[in-house]
PDB file of N, CA and C in Angstrom:
ATOM      1  N   UNK A   1     -22.259   2.625  -3.394  1.00  0.00           N
ATOM      2  CA  UNK A   1     -22.316   3.465  -2.170  1.00  0.00           C
ATOM      3  C   UNK A   1     -23.766   3.602  -1.910  1.00  0.00           C
ATOM      4  N   UNK A   2     -24.652   3.613  -2.744  1.00  0.00           N
ATOM      5  CA  UNK A   2     -26.072   3.837  -2.465  1.00  0.00           C
ATOM      6  C   UNK A   2     -26.619   2.712  -1.685  1.00  0.00           C
ATOM      7  N   UNK A   3     -26.312   1.436  -2.121  1.00  0.00           N
ATOM      8  CA  UNK A   3     -26.496   0.111  -1.449  1.00  0.00           C
ATOM      9  C   UNK A   3     -25.990   0.087  -0.061  1.00  0.00           C
ATOM     10  N   UNK A   4     -24.800   0.568   0.281  1.00  0.00           N
ATOM     11  CA  UNK A   4     -24.137   0.495   1.323  1.00  0.00           C
ATOM     12  C   UNK A   4     -24.678   1.409   2.349  1.00  0.00           C
ATOM     13  N   UNK A   5     -25.190   2.582   1.682  1.00  0.00           N
ATOM     14  CA  UNK A   5     -25.674   3.694   2.802  1.00  0.00           C
ATOM     15  C   UNK A   5     -27.113   3.877   2.674  1.00  0.00           C
ATOM     16  N   UNK A   6     -27.943   3.105   1.880  1.00  0.00           N
ATOM     17  CA  UNK A   6     -29.211   3.252   1.941  1.00  0.00           C
ATOM     18  C   UNK A   6     -29.889   4.493   1.155  1.00  0.00           C
ATOM     19  N   UNK A   7     -29.177   5.057   0.363  1.00  0.00           N
ATOM     20  CA  UNK A   7     -29.431   6.231  -0.344  1.00  0.00           C
ATOM     21  C   UNK A   7     -30.254   5.728  -1.584  1.00  0.00           C
ATOM     22  N   UNK A   8     -31.655   6.279  -1.712  1.00  0.00           N
ATOM     23  CA  UNK A   8     -32.455   5.862  -2.678  1.00  0.00           C
ATOM     24  C   UNK A   8     -32.896   4.320  -2.833  1.00  0.00           C
ATOM     25  N   UNK A   9     -32.535   3.649  -1.879  1.00  0.00           N
ATOM     26  CA  UNK A   9     -32.860   2.227  -1.971  1.00  0.00           C
ATOM     27  C   UNK A   9     -32.760   1.748  -0.522  1.00  0.00           C
ATOM     28  N   UNK A  10     -33.079   0.332  -0.200  1.00  0.00           N
ATOM     29  CA  UNK A  10     -32.709  -0.284   0.999  1.00  0.00           C
ATOM     30  C   UNK A  10     -31.220  -0.686   1.119  1.00  0.00           C
ATOM     31  N   UNK A  11     -30.793  -0.495   2.416  1.00  0.00           N
ATOM     32  CA  UNK A  11     -29.499  -0.969   2.438  1.00  0.00           C
ATOM     33  C   UNK A  11     -29.372  -2.474   2.234  1.00  0.00           C
ATOM     34  N   UNK A  12     -28.290  -2.640   1.320  1.00  0.00           N
ATOM     35  CA  UNK A  12     -27.995  -4.083   0.955  1.00  0.00           C
ATOM     36  C   UNK A  12     -26.493  -4.124   0.928  1.00  0.00           C
ATOM     37  N   UNK A  13     -25.885  -4.416   1.962  1.00  0.00           N
ATOM     38  CA  UNK A  13     -24.330  -4.424   1.891  1.00  0.00           C
ATOM     39  C   UNK A  13     -23.819  -5.578   1.037  1.00  0.00           C
ATOM     40  N   UNK A  14     -24.414  -6.566   0.917  1.00  0.00           N
ATOM     41  CA  UNK A  14     -23.945  -7.752  -0.014  1.00  0.00           C
ATOM     42  C   UNK A  14     -23.969  -7.245  -1.482  1.00  0.00           C
ATOM     43  N   UNK A  15     -25.018  -6.326  -1.928  1.00  0.00           N
ATOM     44  CA  UNK A  15     -25.154  -5.861  -3.197  1.00  0.00           C
ATOM     45  C   UNK A  15     -24.048  -4.869  -3.299  1.00  0.00           C
ATOM     46  N   UNK A  16     -23.787  -3.860  -2.409  1.00  0.00           N
ATOM     47  CA  UNK A  16     -22.784  -3.057  -2.381  1.00  0.00           C
ATOM     48  C   UNK A  16     -21.467  -3.616  -2.733  1.00  0.00           C
ATOM     49  N   UNK A  17     -21.101  -4.765  -1.990  1.00  0.00           N
ATOM     50  CA  UNK A  17     -19.911  -5.613  -1.956  1.00  0.00           C
ATOM     51  C   UNK A  17     -19.654  -5.896  -3.695  1.00  0.00           C
ATOM     52  N   UNK A  18     -20.915  -6.479  -4.049  1.00  0.00           N
ATOM     53  CA  UNK A  18     -20.879  -7.062  -5.479  1.00  0.00           C
ATOM     54  C   UNK A  18     -20.478  -5.988  -6.338  1.00  0.00           C
ATOM     55  N   UNK A  19     -21.093  -4.840  -6.221  1.00  0.00           N
ATOM     56  CA  UNK A  19     -20.776  -3.732  -7.160  1.00  0.00           C
ATOM     57  C   UNK A  19     -19.295  -3.218  -7.055  1.00  0.00           C
ATOM     58  N   UNK A  20     -19.053  -3.044  -5.876  1.00  0.00           N
ATOM     59  CA  UNK A  20     -17.455  -2.626  -5.561  1.00  0.00           C
ATOM     60  C   UNK A  20     -16.635  -3.616  -6.453  1.00  0.00           C
ATOM     61  N   UNK A  21     -16.741  -4.884  -6.100  1.00  0.00           N
ATOM     62  CA  UNK A  21     -16.117  -5.937  -6.777  1.00  0.00           C
ATOM     63  C   UNK A  21     -15.918  -5.806  -8.268  1.00  0.00           C
ATOM     64  N   UNK A  22     -17.242  -5.450  -8.998  1.00  0.00           N
ATOM     65  CA  UNK A  22     -17.308  -5.276 -10.308  1.00  0.00           C
ATOM     66  C   UNK A  22     -16.369  -3.993 -10.874  1.00  0.00           C
ATOM     67  N   UNK A  23     -16.531  -3.034  -9.954  1.00  0.00           N
ATOM     68  CA  UNK A  23     -15.973  -1.973 -10.461  1.00  0.00           C
ATOM     69  C   UNK A  23     -14.380  -2.090 -10.142  1.00  0.00           C
ATOM     70  N   UNK A  24     -14.067  -2.740  -9.173  1.00  0.00           N
ATOM     71  CA  UNK A  24     -12.653  -2.972  -8.890  1.00  0.00           C
ATOM     72  C   UNK A  24     -12.073  -3.837  -9.970  1.00  0.00           C
ATOM     73  N   UNK A  25     -12.934  -4.912 -10.471  1.00  0.00           N
ATOM     74  CA  UNK A  25     -12.406  -5.745 -11.527  1.00  0.00           C
ATOM     75  C   UNK A  25     -12.139  -4.984 -12.945  1.00  0.00           C
ATOM     76  N   UNK A  26     -12.808  -3.916 -12.992  1.00  0.00           N
ATOM     77  CA  UNK A  26     -12.665  -2.991 -14.135  1.00  0.00           C
ATOM     78  C   UNK A  26     -11.492  -2.123 -14.005  1.00  0.00           C
ATOM     79  N   UNK A  27     -10.840  -2.059 -12.907  1.00  0.00           N
ATOM     80  CA  UNK A  27      -9.446  -1.325 -12.645  1.00  0.00           C
ATOM     81  C   UNK A  27      -9.866   0.010 -12.110  1.00  0.00           C
ATOM     82  N   UNK A  28     -11.067   0.236 -11.637  1.00  0.00           N
ATOM     83  CA  UNK A  28     -11.514   1.620 -11.068  1.00  0.00           C
ATOM     84  C   UNK A  28     -10.933   1.863  -9.607  1.00  0.00           C
ATOM     85  N   UNK A  29     -10.113   2.844  -9.293  1.00  0.00           N
ATOM     86  CA  UNK A  29      -9.367   2.941  -8.110  1.00  0.00           C
ATOM     87  C   UNK A  29     -10.507   3.208  -6.929  1.00  0.00           C
ATOM     88  N   UNK A  30     -11.561   3.901  -7.250  1.00  0.00           N
ATOM     89  CA  UNK A  30     -12.414   4.163  -6.122  1.00  0.00           C
ATOM     90  C   UNK A  30     -13.162   2.765  -5.852  1.00  0.00           C
ATOM     91  N   UNK A  31     -13.462   2.050  -6.798  1.00  0.00           N
ATOM     92  CA  UNK A  31     -13.903   0.584  -6.614  1.00  0.00           C
ATOM     93  C   UNK A  31     -13.030  -0.148  -5.568  1.00  0.00           C
ATOM     94  N   UNK A  32     -11.754  -0.193  -6.114  1.00  0.00           N
ATOM     95  CA  UNK A  32     -10.768  -0.999  -5.415  1.00  0.00           C
ATOM     96  C   UNK A  32     -10.670  -0.551  -3.908  1.00  0.00           C
ATOM     97  N   UNK A  33     -10.674   0.893  -3.643  1.00  0.00           N
ATOM     98  CA  UNK A  33     -10.673   1.316  -2.279  1.00  0.00           C
ATOM     99  C   UNK A  33     -11.912   0.841  -1.560  1.00  0.00           C
ATOM    100  N   UNK A  34     -13.294   0.958  -2.190  1.00  0.00           N
ATOM    101  CA  UNK A  34     -14.409   0.625  -1.590  1.00  0.00           C
ATOM    102  C   UNK A  34     -14.466  -0.548  -1.280  1.00  0.00           C
ATOM    103  N   UNK A  35     -13.940  -1.587  -2.148  1.00  0.00           N
ATOM    104  CA  UNK A  35     -13.858  -2.955  -1.918  1.00  0.00           C
ATOM    105  C   UNK A  35     -12.817  -3.369  -0.678  1.00  0.00           C
ATOM    106  N   UNK A  36     -11.763  -2.615  -0.680  1.00  0.00           N
ATOM    107  CA  UNK A  36     -10.791  -2.833   0.526  1.00  0.00           C
ATOM    108  C   UNK A  36     -11.472  -2.438   1.752  1.00  0.00           C
ATOM    109  N   UNK A  37     -12.235  -1.414   1.785  1.00  0.00           N
ATOM    110  CA  UNK A  37     -13.036  -0.944   2.964  1.00  0.00           C
ATOM    111  C   UNK A  37     -13.918  -2.087   3.531  1.00  0.00           C
ATOM    112  N   UNK A  38     -14.701  -2.708   2.511  1.00  0.00           N
ATOM    113  CA  UNK A  38     -15.547  -3.741   2.907  1.00  0.00           C
ATOM    114  C   UNK A  38     -14.824  -5.074   3.559  1.00  0.00           C
ATOM    115  N   UNK A  39     -13.688  -5.318   2.896  1.00  0.00           N
ATOM    116  CA  UNK A  39     -12.996  -6.305   3.275  1.00  0.00           C
ATOM    117  C   UNK A  39     -12.595  -5.938   4.877  1.00  0.00           C
ATOM    118  N   UNK A  40     -12.072  -4.705   5.140  1.00  0.00           N
ATOM    119  CA  UNK A  40     -11.664  -4.211   6.382  1.00  0.00           C
ATOM    120  C   UNK A  40     -12.652  -4.195   7.523  1.00  0.00           C
ATOM    121  N   UNK A  41     -13.820  -3.711   6.969  1.00  0.00           N
ATOM    122  CA  UNK A  41     -15.043  -3.823   8.049  1.00  0.00           C
ATOM    123  C   UNK A  41     -15.911  -4.909   7.873  1.00  0.00           C
ATOM    124  N   UNK A  42     -15.710  -5.786   7.034  1.00  0.00           N
ATOM    125  CA  UNK A  42     -16.729  -6.845   6.901  1.00  0.00           C
ATOM    126  C   UNK A  42     -18.252  -6.502   6.227  1.00  0.00           C
ATOM    127  N   UNK A  43     -18.105  -5.487   5.383  1.00  0.00           N
ATOM    128  CA  UNK A  43     -19.367  -5.013   4.720  1.00  0.00           C
ATOM    129  C   UNK A  43     -19.656  -5.963   3.598  1.00  0.00           C
ATOM    130  N   UNK A  44     -20.708  -6.512   3.743  1.00  0.00           N
ATOM    131  CA  UNK A  44     -21.175  -7.517   2.628  1.00  0.00           C
ATOM    132  C   UNK A  44     -20.224  -8.913   2.433  1.00  0.00           C
ATOM    133  N   UNK A  45     -19.378  -8.981   3.380  1.00  0.00           N
ATOM    134  CA  UNK A  45     -18.407 -10.055   3.249  1.00  0.00           C
ATOM    135  C   UNK A  45     -17.829 -10.256   4.545  1.00  0.00           C
ATOM    136  N   UNK A  46     -16.990 -11.388   4.720  1.00  0.00           N
ATOM    137  CA  UNK A  46     -16.282 -11.613   6.168  1.00  0.00           C
ATOM    138  C   UNK A  46     -14.917 -10.406   6.065  1.00  0.00           C
ATOM    139  N   UNK A  47     -14.704 -10.272   7.256  1.00  0.00           N
ATOM    140  CA  UNK A  47     -13.428  -9.512   7.527  1.00  0.00           C
ATOM    141  C   UNK A  47     -12.145 -10.158   6.846  1.00  0.00           C
ATOM    142  N   UNK A  48     -11.352  -9.409   6.350  1.00  0.00           N
ATOM    143  CA  UNK A  48     -10.132 -10.240   5.785  1.00  0.00           C
ATOM    144  C   UNK A  48      -9.081  -9.036   5.530  1.00  0.00           C
ATOM    145  N   UNK A  49      -8.345  -8.763   6.685  1.00  0.00           N
ATOM    146  CA  UNK A  49      -7.531  -7.685   6.785  1.00  0.00           C
ATOM    147  C   UNK A  49      -6.350  -7.738   5.538  1.00  0.00           C
ATOM    148  N   UNK A  50      -5.837  -8.832   5.432  1.00  0.00           N
ATOM    149  CA  UNK A  50      -4.873  -9.074   4.342  1.00  0.00           C
ATOM    150  C   UNK A  50      -5.236  -8.826   3.069  1.00  0.00           C
ATOM    151  N   UNK A  51      -6.455  -9.147   2.816  1.00  0.00           N
ATOM    152  CA  UNK A  51      -7.267  -8.864   1.544  1.00  0.00           C
ATOM    153  C   UNK A  51      -7.291  -7.226   1.434  1.00  0.00           C
ATOM    154  N   UNK A  52      -7.929  -6.687   2.431  1.00  0.00           N
ATOM    155  CA  UNK A  52      -8.063  -5.213   2.432  1.00  0.00           C
ATOM    156  C   UNK A  52      -6.518  -4.476   2.169  1.00  0.00           C
ATOM    157  N   UNK A  53      -5.629  -5.070   2.719  1.00  0.00           N
ATOM    158  CA  UNK A  53      -4.244  -4.511   2.571  1.00  0.00           C
ATOM    159  C   UNK A  53      -3.849  -4.586   1.042  1.00  0.00           C
ATOM    160  N   UNK A  54      -3.967  -5.873   0.470  1.00  0.00           N
ATOM    161  CA  UNK A  54      -3.660  -5.903  -0.863  1.00  0.00           C
ATOM    162  C   UNK A  54      -4.422  -5.109  -1.790  1.00  0.00           C
ATOM    163  N   UNK A  55      -5.673  -4.844  -1.593  1.00  0.00           N
ATOM    164  CA  UNK A  55      -6.463  -4.064  -2.300  1.00  0.00           C
ATOM    165  C   UNK A  55      -5.965  -2.443  -2.271  1.00  0.00           C
ATOM    166  N   UNK A  56      -5.733  -2.120  -0.987  1.00  0.00           N
ATOM    167  CA  UNK A  56      -5.127  -0.643  -0.832  1.00  0.00           C
ATOM    168  C   UNK A  56      -3.910  -0.565  -1.577  1.00  0.00           C
ATOM    169  N   UNK A  57      -3.141  -1.674  -1.521  1.00  0.00           N
ATOM    170  CA  UNK A  57      -1.706  -1.391  -2.437  1.00  0.00           C
ATOM    171  C   UNK A  57      -2.399  -1.422  -3.776  1.00  0.00           C
ATOM    172  N   UNK A  58      -3.131  -2.107  -4.445  1.00  0.00           N
ATOM    173  CA  UNK A  58      -3.476  -2.045  -5.790  1.00  0.00           C
ATOM    174  C   UNK A  58      -4.004  -0.602  -6.209  1.00  0.00           C
ATOM    175  N   UNK A  59      -4.790  -0.187  -5.270  1.00  0.00           N
ATOM    176  CA  UNK A  59      -5.188   1.282  -5.543  1.00  0.00           C
ATOM    177  C   UNK A  59      -3.991   2.281  -5.676  1.00  0.00           C
ATOM    178  N   UNK A  60      -3.082   2.073  -4.621  1.00  0.00           N
ATOM    179  CA  UNK A  60      -1.872   2.815  -4.605  1.00  0.00           C
ATOM    180  C   UNK A  60      -1.139   2.799  -5.726  1.00  0.00           C
ATOM    181  N   UNK A  61      -0.935   1.416  -6.247  1.00  0.00           N
ATOM    182  CA  UNK A  61      -0.195   1.202  -7.526  1.00  0.00           C
ATOM    183  C   UNK A  61      -0.739   1.932  -8.782  1.00  0.00           C
ATOM    184  N   UNK A  62      -1.940   2.448  -8.622  1.00  0.00           N
ATOM    185  CA  UNK A  62      -2.517   3.064  -9.694  1.00  0.00           C
ATOM    186  C   UNK A  62      -2.149   4.429  -9.708  1.00  0.00           C
ATOM    187  N   UNK A  63      -1.542   4.755  -8.668  1.00  0.00           N
ATOM    188  CA  UNK A  63      -1.067   6.184  -8.400  1.00  0.00           C
ATOM    189  C   UNK A  63      -2.272   7.100  -8.155  1.00  0.00           C
ATOM    190  N   UNK A  64      -3.393   6.504  -7.334  1.00  0.00           N
ATOM    191  CA  UNK A  64      -4.598   7.139  -6.901  1.00  0.00           C
ATOM    192  C   UNK A  64      -4.096   7.653  -5.490  1.00  0.00           C
ATOM    193  N   UNK A  65      -4.260   8.976  -5.312  1.00  0.00           N
ATOM    194  CA  UNK A  65      -3.879   9.840  -4.162  1.00  0.00           C
ATOM    195  C   UNK A  65      -4.598   9.158  -2.996  1.00  0.00           C
ATOM    196  N   UNK A  66      -5.873   8.964  -3.120  1.00  0.00           N
ATOM    197  CA  UNK A  66      -6.611   8.357  -1.976  1.00  0.00           C
ATOM    198  C   UNK A  66      -6.159   6.855  -1.568  1.00  0.00           C
ATOM    199  N   UNK A  67      -5.785   6.238  -2.732  1.00  0.00           N
ATOM    200  CA  UNK A  67      -5.165   4.927  -2.608  1.00  0.00           C
ATOM    201  C   UNK A  67      -3.851   4.945  -1.643  1.00  0.00           C
ATOM    202  N   UNK A  68      -2.953   5.830  -2.089  1.00  0.00           N
ATOM    203  CA  UNK A  68      -1.893   6.040  -1.389  1.00  0.00           C
ATOM    204  C   UNK A  68      -1.967   6.360   0.162  1.00  0.00           C
ATOM    205  N   UNK A  69      -2.876   7.336   0.412  1.00  0.00           N
ATOM    206  CA  UNK A  69      -3.397   7.691   1.507  1.00  0.00           C
ATOM    207  C   UNK A  69      -3.766   6.627   2.508  1.00  0.00           C
ATOM    208  N   UNK A  70      -4.869   5.833   1.905  1.00  0.00           N
ATOM    209  CA  UNK A  70      -5.465   4.775   2.812  1.00  0.00           C
ATOM    210  C   UNK A  70      -4.391   3.756   2.885  1.00  0.00           C
ATOM    211  N   UNK A  71      -3.471   3.464   1.961  1.00  0.00           N
ATOM    212  CA  UNK A  71      -2.545   2.488   2.285  1.00  0.00           C
ATOM    213  C   UNK A  71      -1.625   2.854   3.440  1.00  0.00           C
ATOM    214  N   UNK A  72      -1.105   4.057   3.399  1.00  0.00           N
ATOM    215  CA  UNK A  72      -0.400   4.429   4.465  1.00  0.00           C
ATOM    216  C   UNK A  72      -0.922   4.512   5.831  1.00  0.00           C
ATOM    217  N   UNK A  73      -2.084   4.931   5.788  1.00  0.00           N
ATOM    218  CA  UNK A  73      -2.874   4.888   7.080  1.00  0.00           C
ATOM    219  C   UNK A  73      -3.193   3.367   7.443  1.00  0.00           C
ATOM    220  N   UNK A  74      -3.534   2.574   6.555  1.00  0.00           N
ATOM    221  CA  UNK A  74      -3.620   1.194   7.032  1.00  0.00           C
ATOM    222  C   UNK A  74      -2.543   0.472   7.479  1.00  0.00           C
ATOM    223  N   UNK A  75      -1.374   0.809   6.757  1.00  0.00           N
ATOM    224  CA  UNK A  75      -0.029   0.041   7.040  1.00  0.00           C
ATOM    225  C   UNK A  75       0.243   0.371   8.457  1.00  0.00           C
ATOM    226  N   UNK A  76       0.000   1.630   8.924  1.00  0.00           N
ATOM    227  CA  UNK A  76       0.533   1.994  10.236  1.00  0.00           C
ATOM    228  C   UNK A  76      -0.487   1.816  11.358  1.00  0.00           C
ATOM    229  N   UNK A  77      -1.638   1.396  11.110  1.00  0.00           N
ATOM    230  CA  UNK A  77      -2.687   1.266  12.038  1.00  0.00           C
ATOM    231  C   UNK A  77      -3.155  -0.270  12.276  1.00  0.00           C
ATOM    232  N   UNK A  78      -2.856  -1.049  11.341  1.00  0.00           N
ATOM    233  CA  UNK A  78      -3.408  -2.444  11.271  1.00  0.00           C
ATOM    234  C   UNK A  78      -2.348  -3.454  11.534  1.00  0.00           C
ATOM    235  N   UNK A  79      -1.040  -3.297  11.784  1.00  0.00           N
ATOM    236  CA  UNK A  79      -0.181  -4.126  11.896  1.00  0.00           C
ATOM    237  C   UNK A  79       0.600  -3.827  13.162  1.00  0.00           C
ATOM    238  N   UNK A  80       1.263  -5.149  13.778  1.00  0.00           N
ATOM    239  CA  UNK A  80       2.251  -4.741  14.936  1.00  0.00           C
ATOM    240  C   UNK A  80       3.508  -4.156  14.447  1.00  0.00           C
ATOM    241  N   UNK A  81       3.593  -2.930  14.921  1.00  0.00           N
ATOM    242  CA  UNK A  81       4.698  -1.846  14.383  1.00  0.00           C
ATOM    243  C   UNK A  81       5.631  -1.448  15.488  1.00  0.00           C
ATOM    244  N   UNK A  82       6.663  -1.192  15.017  1.00  0.00           N
ATOM    245  CA  UNK A  82       7.620  -0.360  15.720  1.00  0.00           C
ATOM    246  C   UNK A  82       8.496   0.469  14.810  1.00  0.00           C
ATOM    247  N   UNK A  83       9.431   1.229  15.280  1.00  0.00           N
ATOM    248  CA  UNK A  83      10.252   2.141  14.459  1.00  0.00           C
ATOM    249  C   UNK A  83      11.198   1.261  13.193  1.00  0.00           C
ATOM    250  N   UNK A  84      11.341   0.024  13.462  1.00  0.00           N
ATOM    251  CA  UNK A  84      12.221  -0.614  12.762  1.00  0.00           C
ATOM    252  C   UNK A  84      11.416  -1.499  11.654  1.00  0.00           C
ATOM    253  N   UNK A  85      10.181  -1.422  11.687  1.00  0.00           N
ATOM    254  CA  UNK A  85       9.314  -2.282  11.032  1.00  0.00           C
ATOM    255  C   UNK A  85       9.117  -1.812   9.601  1.00  0.00           C
ATOM    256  N   UNK A  86       9.571  -2.836   8.775  1.00  0.00           N
ATOM    257  CA  UNK A  86       9.193  -2.588   7.169  1.00  0.00           C
ATOM    258  C   UNK A  86       7.928  -2.029   6.863  1.00  0.00           C
ATOM    259  N   UNK A  87       6.811  -2.546   7.260  1.00  0.00           N
ATOM    260  CA  UNK A  87       5.508  -2.131   7.063  1.00  0.00           C
ATOM    261  C   UNK A  87       5.290  -0.729   7.531  1.00  0.00           C
ATOM    262  N   UNK A  88       5.912  -0.368   8.768  1.00  0.00           N
ATOM    263  CA  UNK A  88       5.746   0.916   9.207  1.00  0.00           C
ATOM    264  C   UNK A  88       6.495   1.976   8.294  1.00  0.00           C
ATOM    265  N   UNK A  89       7.680   1.670   7.851  1.00  0.00           N
ATOM    266  CA  UNK A  89       8.423   2.307   6.897  1.00  0.00           C
ATOM    267  C   UNK A  89       7.713   2.716   5.648  1.00  0.00           C
ATOM    268  N   UNK A  90       7.148   1.490   5.224  1.00  0.00           N
ATOM    269  CA  UNK A  90       6.397   1.691   3.933  1.00  0.00           C
ATOM    270  C   UNK A  90       5.235   2.617   4.056  1.00  0.00           C
ATOM    271  N   UNK A  91       4.519   2.334   5.158  1.00  0.00           N
ATOM    272  CA  UNK A  91       3.281   3.228   5.690  1.00  0.00           C
ATOM    273  C   UNK A  91       3.632   4.760   5.884  1.00  0.00           C
ATOM    274  N   UNK A  92       4.881   5.134   6.314  1.00  0.00           N
ATOM    275  CA  UNK A  92       5.091   6.448   6.642  1.00  0.00           C
ATOM    276  C   UNK A  92       5.650   7.064   5.136  1.00  0.00           C
ATOM    277  N   UNK A  93       6.372   6.265   4.537  1.00  0.00           N
ATOM    278  CA  UNK A  93       6.768   6.692   3.087  1.00  0.00           C
ATOM    279  C   UNK A  93       5.455   7.054   2.352  1.00  0.00           C
ATOM    280  N   UNK A  94       4.570   6.138   2.299  1.00  0.00           N
ATOM    281  CA  UNK A  94       3.221   6.424   1.576  1.00  0.00           C
ATOM    282  C   UNK A  94       2.645   7.526   1.954  1.00  0.00           C
ATOM    283  N   UNK A  95       2.441   7.963   3.337  1.00  0.00           N
ATOM    284  CA  UNK A  95       1.940   8.997   3.906  1.00  0.00           C
ATOM    285  C   UNK A  95       2.578  10.266   3.413  1.00  0.00           C
ATOM    286  N   UNK A  96       4.003  10.235   3.580  1.00  0.00           N
ATOM    287  CA  UNK A  96       4.543  11.354   2.985  1.00  0.00           C
ATOM    288  C   UNK A  96       4.190  11.663   1.686  1.00  0.00           C
ATOM    289  N   UNK A  97       4.185  10.735   0.808  1.00  0.00           N
ATOM    290  CA  UNK A  97       4.015  11.037  -0.677  1.00  0.00           C
ATOM    291  C   UNK A  97       2.637  11.668  -0.739  1.00  0.00           C
ATOM    292  N   UNK A  98       1.544  11.097  -0.061  1.00  0.00           N
ATOM    293  CA  UNK A  98       0.242  11.529  -0.285  1.00  0.00           C
ATOM    294  C   UNK A  98       0.082  12.940   0.510  1.00  0.00           C
ATOM    295  N   UNK A  99       1.019  13.202   1.416  1.00  0.00           N
ATOM    296  CA  UNK A  99       0.833  14.281   2.093  1.00  0.00           C
ATOM    297  C   UNK A  99       1.945  15.560   1.649  1.00  0.00           C
ATOM    298  N   UNK A 100       2.243  15.228   0.359  1.00  0.00           N
ATOM    299  CA  UNK A 100       3.222  16.214  -0.373  1.00  0.00           C
ATOM    300  C   UNK A 100       4.537  16.342   0.444  1.00  0.00           C
ATOM    301  N   UNK A 101       5.154  15.395   1.050  1.00  0.00           N
ATOM    302  CA  UNK A 101       6.328  15.340   1.892  1.00  0.00           C
ATOM    303  C   UNK A 101       6.120  16.403   3.040  1.00  0.00           C
ATOM    304  N   UNK A 102       5.104  16.498   3.644  1.00  0.00           N
ATOM    305  CA  UNK A 102       4.956  17.259   4.999  1.00  0.00           C
ATOM    306  C   UNK A 102       4.960  16.574   6.234  1.00  0.00           C
ATOM    307  N   UNK A 103       5.874  15.521   6.174  1.00  0.00           N
ATOM    308  CA  UNK A 103       5.778  14.402   7.316  1.00  0.00           C
ATOM    309  C   UNK A 103       6.519  15.018   8.628  1.00  0.00           C
ATOM    310  N   UNK A 104       5.853  14.796   9.762  1.00  0.00           N
ATOM    311  CA  UNK A 104       6.675  15.088  10.783  1.00  0.00           C
ATOM    312  C   UNK A 104       7.729  14.211  11.256  1.00  0.00           C
ATOM    313  N   UNK A 105       8.080  13.169  10.466  1.00  0.00           N
ATOM    314  CA  UNK A 105       9.096  12.209  10.614  1.00  0.00           C
ATOM    315  C   UNK A 105      10.119  12.063   9.769  1.00  0.00           C
ATOM    316  N   UNK A 106      10.495  13.293   9.293  1.00  0.00           N
ATOM    317  CA  UNK A 106      11.455  13.577   8.227  1.00  0.00           C
ATOM    318  C   UNK A 106      12.953  13.354   8.950  1.00  0.00           C
ATOM    319  N   UNK A 107      12.961  13.673  10.158  1.00  0.00           N
ATOM    320  CA  UNK A 107      14.286  13.266  10.886  1.00  0.00           C
ATOM    321  C   UNK A 107      14.384  12.148  11.436  1.00  0.00           C
ATOM    322  N   UNK A 108      13.696  11.102  11.204  1.00  0.00           N
ATOM    323  CA  UNK A 108      13.651   9.669  11.692  1.00  0.00           C
ATOM    324  C   UNK A 108      14.462   8.947  10.723  1.00  0.00           C
ATOM    325  N   UNK A 109      15.492   8.130  11.264  1.00  0.00           N
ATOM    326  CA  UNK A 109      16.509   7.385  10.294  1.00  0.00           C
ATOM    327  C   UNK A 109      15.822   6.170   9.763  1.00  0.00           C
ATOM    328  N   UNK A 110      14.466   5.815  10.121  1.00  0.00           N
ATOM    329  CA  UNK A 110      14.043   4.405   9.590  1.00  0.00           C
ATOM    330  C   UNK A 110      13.099   4.745   8.428  1.00  0.00           C
ATOM    331  N   UNK A 111      12.860   6.016   8.113  1.00  0.00           N
ATOM    332  CA  UNK A 111      11.949   6.216   7.017  1.00  0.00           C
ATOM    333  C   UNK A 111      12.884   6.263   5.692  1.00  0.00           C
TER     334      UNK A 111
END
């Protein structure tokens, strides 16, 4: 984070990416989320939306609350969606889980 934001050092997004990768390789959920964000925004690497999605899934699979939230948001914002879409349904489901089932979509049959 410090290399990405320039806190106490010069900004070095490539180094930030490398350190997030190391943390992700160790199974650290925050490292996985930060690495996914790098792929999503092209921070220290090329944009790769599919890789970002897979990493958000990995963090969610660790039952990390932020991972579930990011995956839900990412699922609903970065794919061609409609109310019948599987990706949309998964995104809404994960959002509901991370929001403690306070979803405005409860009455929708596709969830």
